[in-house]
Amino acid sequence: MEKKISYSGVIMTVLAVAVLVMSIGFASFSQNLQLNGTAQVSTSKWHVYLDNSTYEAT
């Protein structure tokens, strides 16, 4: 016996799962994040050298 699944049942199930996933995602991202500590950023040097570059017009 083969049971037919209606499109509305599939759509309702997909929507229910989507709402559940979005609510879990919202709850996890809406929590406060506390960072304690220090950080130091040193100066960086950007030395870019171009040697033997050529240009050909097309």
N, C-alpha and C. Protein backbone atom coordinates (compact mmCIF):
# COMPACT_ATOMS: atom_id res chain seq x y z
N MET A 1 0.82 -1.17 0.00
CA MET A 1 0.00 0.00 0.00
C MET A 1 0.88 1.24 0.00
N GLU A 2 0.63 2.09 -0.91
CA GLU A 2 1.42 3.31 -1.01
C GLU A 2 0.58 4.48 -0.51
N LYS A 3 1.16 5.23 0.42
CA LYS A 3 0.43 6.34 1.01
C LYS A 3 0.88 7.63 0.34
N LYS A 4 -0.07 8.43 -0.10
CA LYS A 4 0.26 9.70 -0.73
C LYS A 4 0.41 10.78 0.33
N ILE A 5 1.44 11.61 0.16
CA ILE A 5 1.66 12.73 1.07
C ILE A 5 1.23 13.99 0.34
N SER A 6 0.37 14.73 0.96
CA SER A 6 -0.14 15.93 0.31
C SER A 6 0.91 17.04 0.36
N TYR A 7 0.84 17.93 -0.62
CA TYR A 7 1.79 19.03 -0.68
C TYR A 7 1.62 19.97 0.51
N SER A 8 0.41 20.16 0.96
CA SER A 8 0.19 21.07 2.09
C SER A 8 0.82 20.51 3.37
N GLY A 9 0.80 19.20 3.53
CA GLY A 9 1.43 18.59 4.70
C GLY A 9 2.94 18.76 4.67
N VAL A 10 3.53 18.63 3.49
CA VAL A 10 4.97 18.79 3.35
C VAL A 10 5.34 20.25 3.60
N ILE A 11 4.56 21.16 3.05
CA ILE A 11 4.84 22.59 3.24
C ILE A 11 4.72 22.98 4.71
N MET A 12 3.71 22.48 5.39
CA MET A 12 3.53 22.79 6.82
C MET A 12 4.70 22.24 7.64
N THR A 13 5.17 21.05 7.30
CA THR A 13 6.30 20.47 8.02
C THR A 13 7.57 21.27 7.79
N VAL A 14 7.81 21.68 6.55
CA VAL A 14 9.00 22.47 6.23
C VAL A 14 8.94 23.82 6.93
N LEU A 15 7.80 24.45 6.94
CA LEU A 15 7.65 25.75 7.62
C LEU A 15 7.84 25.60 9.13
N ALA A 16 7.35 24.54 9.71
CA ALA A 16 7.51 24.33 11.15
C ALA A 16 8.98 24.12 11.50
N VAL A 17 9.69 23.36 10.68
CA VAL A 17 11.12 23.14 10.91
C VAL A 17 11.88 24.45 10.72
N ALA A 18 11.52 25.24 9.72
CA ALA A 18 12.20 26.52 9.47
C ALA A 18 12.00 27.47 10.64
N VAL A 19 10.79 27.55 11.19
CA VAL A 19 10.53 28.41 12.34
C VAL A 19 11.33 27.92 13.55
N LEU A 20 11.41 26.64 13.74
CA LEU A 20 12.17 26.09 14.86
C LEU A 20 13.65 26.42 14.73
N VAL A 21 14.21 26.26 13.54
CA VAL A 21 15.63 26.55 13.32
C VAL A 21 15.90 28.04 13.50
N MET A 22 15.02 28.89 12.98
CA MET A 22 15.22 30.34 13.14
C MET A 22 15.11 30.77 14.59
N SER A 23 14.21 30.18 15.35
CA SER A 23 14.08 30.56 16.75
C SER A 23 15.29 30.11 17.57
N ILE A 24 15.84 28.96 17.27
CA ILE A 24 17.05 28.51 17.96
C ILE A 24 18.24 29.40 17.57
N GLY A 25 18.33 29.76 16.30
CA GLY A 25 19.40 30.65 15.86
C GLY A 25 19.30 32.03 16.49
N PHE A 26 18.10 32.57 16.57
CA PHE A 26 17.92 33.87 17.20
C PHE A 26 18.28 33.83 18.67
N ALA A 27 17.89 32.78 19.35
CA ALA A 27 18.20 32.65 20.78
C ALA A 27 19.69 32.54 21.02
N SER A 28 20.39 31.85 20.14
CA SER A 28 21.83 31.68 20.35
C SER A 28 22.60 32.96 20.02
N PHE A 29 22.14 33.75 19.05
CA PHE A 29 22.84 34.98 18.68
C PHE A 29 22.45 36.17 19.53
N SER A 30 21.37 36.10 20.28
CA SER A 30 20.92 37.26 21.05
C SER A 30 21.51 37.28 22.47
N GLN A 31 22.33 36.32 22.82
CA GLN A 31 22.93 36.32 24.15
C GLN A 31 24.12 37.27 24.19
N ASN A 32 24.40 37.80 25.38
CA ASN A 32 25.52 38.72 25.55
C ASN A 32 26.84 37.96 25.54
N LEU A 33 27.82 38.58 24.92
CA LEU A 33 29.15 37.99 24.86
C LEU A 33 30.11 38.92 25.58
N GLN A 34 30.78 38.42 26.59
CA GLN A 34 31.71 39.24 27.36
C GLN A 34 33.13 38.79 27.04
N LEU A 35 33.95 39.76 26.63
CA LEU A 35 35.34 39.49 26.34
C LEU A 35 36.20 40.27 27.32
N ASN A 36 37.04 39.58 28.03
CA ASN A 36 37.92 40.21 28.99
C ASN A 36 39.36 39.93 28.59
N GLY A 37 40.20 40.95 28.71
CA GLY A 37 41.60 40.75 28.38
C GLY A 37 42.16 41.97 27.66
N THR A 38 43.38 41.85 27.24
CA THR A 38 44.03 42.94 26.53
C THR A 38 44.56 42.41 25.20
N ALA A 39 44.78 43.33 24.30
CA ALA A 39 45.33 42.97 23.01
C ALA A 39 46.26 44.08 22.56
N GLN A 40 47.29 43.72 21.85
CA GLN A 40 48.23 44.69 21.32
C GLN A 40 48.36 44.47 19.82
N VAL A 41 48.34 45.58 19.10
CA VAL A 41 48.51 45.52 17.66
C VAL A 41 49.78 46.27 17.32
N SER A 42 50.71 45.57 16.76
CA SER A 42 51.96 46.22 16.39
C SER A 42 51.83 46.84 15.01
N THR A 43 52.68 47.79 14.72
CA THR A 43 52.64 48.42 13.41
C THR A 43 53.11 47.44 12.35
N SER A 44 52.49 47.53 11.22
CA SER A 44 52.88 46.64 10.13
C SER A 44 53.52 47.46 9.02
N LYS A 45 54.36 46.81 8.26
CA LYS A 45 55.05 47.46 7.17
C LYS A 45 54.64 46.79 5.86
N TRP A 46 54.20 47.61 4.96
CA TRP A 46 53.77 47.11 3.67
C TRP A 46 54.78 47.57 2.63
N HIS A 47 55.68 46.70 2.27
CA HIS A 47 56.68 46.99 1.25
C HIS A 47 56.34 46.14 0.02
N VAL A 48 55.92 46.80 -1.03
CA VAL A 48 55.56 46.11 -2.26
C VAL A 48 56.56 46.52 -3.32
N TYR A 49 57.24 45.56 -3.88
CA TYR A 49 58.24 45.82 -4.90
C TYR A 49 57.80 45.18 -6.21
N LEU A 50 57.85 45.95 -7.28
CA LEU A 50 57.55 45.44 -8.61
C LEU A 50 58.80 45.55 -9.45
N ASP A 51 59.33 44.44 -9.87
CA ASP A 51 60.53 44.40 -10.69
C ASP A 51 60.20 43.78 -12.04
N ASN A 52 60.76 44.35 -13.07
CA ASN A 52 60.63 43.81 -14.43
C ASN A 52 59.17 43.68 -14.87
N SER A 53 58.38 44.69 -14.63
CA SER A 53 56.98 44.63 -15.04
C SER A 53 56.86 45.15 -16.47
N THR A 54 55.99 44.53 -17.23
CA THR A 54 55.76 44.93 -18.61
C THR A 54 54.28 45.09 -18.83
N TYR A 55 53.95 45.87 -19.85
CA TYR A 55 52.55 46.10 -20.19
C TYR A 55 52.37 45.94 -21.69
N GLU A 56 51.42 45.14 -22.08
CA GLU A 56 51.14 44.94 -23.50
C GLU A 56 49.72 45.38 -23.77
N ALA A 57 49.57 46.31 -24.70
CA ALA A 57 48.22 46.76 -25.07
C ALA A 57 47.57 45.72 -25.95
N THR A 58 46.30 45.47 -25.70
CA THR A 58 45.59 44.49 -26.53
C THR A 58 44.57 45.17 -27.41
